[in-house]
Amino acid sequence: MPRLCATCSHTHLFRGARVLVDGPADPPGYAASPGPLDLALRFSGTSPTEAEVLVSPGSGETVLAVGTYTTEAGTTLSSRTWLVNEVAAWEAGVELKIGVRVG
């Protein structure tokens, strides 16, 4: 699976944050039925960090798992997992609306 570029306009994730993912082959189809994605996630002022969208086969619950990274201010944030509350298609990709932290 190719690594897609994703961006968050903040320095970190929080409930209500939005992550824009560029390049899924069929954004409306992906929004209707999300699947796993390998991401290079760029926060405001940082180099890309590894992240993954994971989907539970049984429940369909979608989460965003983000690797450890350091903010522009020098704060190191450990790897974390966030529930994805909503997936919506937009111009060239999909938007993930972040829910609560689950790990």
Protein backbone atom coordinates (compact mmCIF):
# COMPACT_ATOMS: atom_id res chain seq x y z
CA MET A 1 0.00 0.00 0.00
CA PRO A 2 1.55 3.37 -0.98
CA ARG A 3 2.11 6.01 1.68
CA LEU A 4 -0.21 8.99 1.21
CA CYS A 5 0.45 12.57 2.34
CA ALA A 6 -1.75 13.95 5.10
CA THR A 7 -1.79 17.31 6.89
CA CYS A 8 -3.11 18.75 10.12
CA SER A 9 -3.04 22.55 10.50
CA HIS A 10 -2.27 22.26 14.23
CA THR A 11 0.85 21.14 16.11
CA HIS A 12 -0.94 18.14 17.62
CA LEU A 13 -4.22 16.22 17.50
CA PHE A 14 -7.19 16.85 19.76
CA ARG A 15 -10.91 16.12 19.71
CA GLY A 16 -12.39 17.99 16.74
CA ALA A 17 -9.11 18.36 14.82
CA ARG A 18 -9.22 17.59 11.12
CA VAL A 19 -6.67 15.69 9.06
CA LEU A 20 -6.69 16.06 5.28
CA VAL A 21 -5.48 13.02 3.33
CA ASP A 22 -4.41 13.55 -0.29
CA GLY A 23 -4.70 10.94 -2.97
CA PRO A 24 -7.04 8.05 -2.18
CA ALA A 25 -8.15 6.61 -5.53
CA ASP A 26 -11.89 7.15 -4.92
CA PRO A 27 -12.48 9.78 -2.18
CA PRO A 28 -16.31 9.40 -2.11
CA GLY A 29 -16.00 5.60 -2.05
CA TYR A 30 -13.37 5.74 0.69
CA ALA A 31 -15.51 8.13 2.77
CA ALA A 32 -18.44 5.71 2.50
CA SER A 33 -16.35 2.66 3.40
CA PRO A 34 -12.96 3.54 4.98
CA GLY A 35 -10.08 1.11 4.87
CA PRO A 36 -6.48 1.00 6.10
CA LEU A 37 -4.12 3.73 4.89
CA ASP A 38 -0.40 4.30 5.39
CA LEU A 39 0.25 8.03 5.91
CA ALA A 40 3.06 10.55 6.09
CA LEU A 41 1.35 13.02 8.44
CA ARG A 42 2.64 16.58 8.63
CA PHE A 43 1.62 18.76 11.56
CA SER A 44 2.08 22.54 11.60
CA GLY A 45 5.80 23.24 11.80
CA THR A 46 7.02 19.63 11.79
CA SER A 47 8.52 17.10 9.43
CA PRO A 48 6.18 14.27 8.43
CA THR A 49 5.65 11.50 10.95
CA GLU A 50 4.39 7.99 10.33
CA ALA A 51 0.68 7.39 10.82
CA GLU A 52 -1.90 4.78 9.87
CA VAL A 53 -5.63 4.65 9.46
CA LEU A 54 -6.80 1.31 10.87
CA VAL A 55 -10.30 -0.15 10.59
CA SER A 56 -11.69 -2.92 12.79
CA PRO A 57 -13.07 -5.68 10.52
CA GLY A 58 -15.86 -6.57 12.96
CA SER A 59 -17.15 -3.19 14.12
CA GLY A 60 -15.89 -0.92 11.36
CA GLU A 61 -14.43 1.38 14.04
CA THR A 62 -11.82 3.64 12.42
CA VAL A 63 -8.77 4.97 14.26
CA LEU A 64 -5.73 7.07 13.40
CA ALA A 65 -2.49 5.77 14.93
CA VAL A 66 0.28 8.39 15.00
CA GLY A 67 3.94 7.69 15.72
CA THR A 68 6.14 9.66 18.11
CA TYR A 69 7.13 13.12 16.85
CA THR A 70 8.56 16.42 18.07
CA THR A 71 6.71 19.73 17.68
CA GLU A 72 8.37 22.88 16.38
CA ALA A 73 8.60 24.09 20.01
CA GLY A 74 10.62 20.99 20.90
CA THR A 75 7.91 19.05 22.73
CA THR A 76 8.08 15.32 22.07
CA LEU A 77 4.69 13.63 21.81
CA SER A 78 4.58 9.87 22.22
CA SER A 79 2.72 7.62 19.81
CA ARG A 80 -1.05 7.91 20.22
CA THR A 81 -4.22 6.48 18.75
CA TRP A 82 -7.34 8.53 18.08
CA LEU A 83 -10.88 7.52 17.17
CA VAL A 84 -11.99 8.90 13.80
CA ASN A 85 -15.55 10.22 14.21
CA GLU A 86 -16.19 11.07 10.59
CA VAL A 87 -14.66 10.57 7.14
CA ALA A 88 -15.75 12.95 4.39
CA ALA A 89 -14.69 13.32 0.76
CA TRP A 90 -13.23 16.65 -0.33
CA GLU A 91 -11.62 17.85 -3.58
CA ALA A 92 -8.61 15.54 -3.97
CA GLY A 93 -8.91 13.39 -0.90
CA VAL A 94 -10.68 12.76 2.37
CA GLU A 95 -10.99 14.59 5.65
CA LEU A 96 -10.75 12.70 8.93
CA LYS A 97 -12.51 14.33 11.88
CA ILE A 98 -10.73 13.29 15.06
CA GLY A 99 -12.62 12.07 18.12
CA VAL A 100 -11.34 10.96 21.51
CA ARG A 101 -7.92 9.55 22.21
CA VAL A 102 -8.10 5.78 22.68
CA GLY A 103 -4.46 4.92 23.21
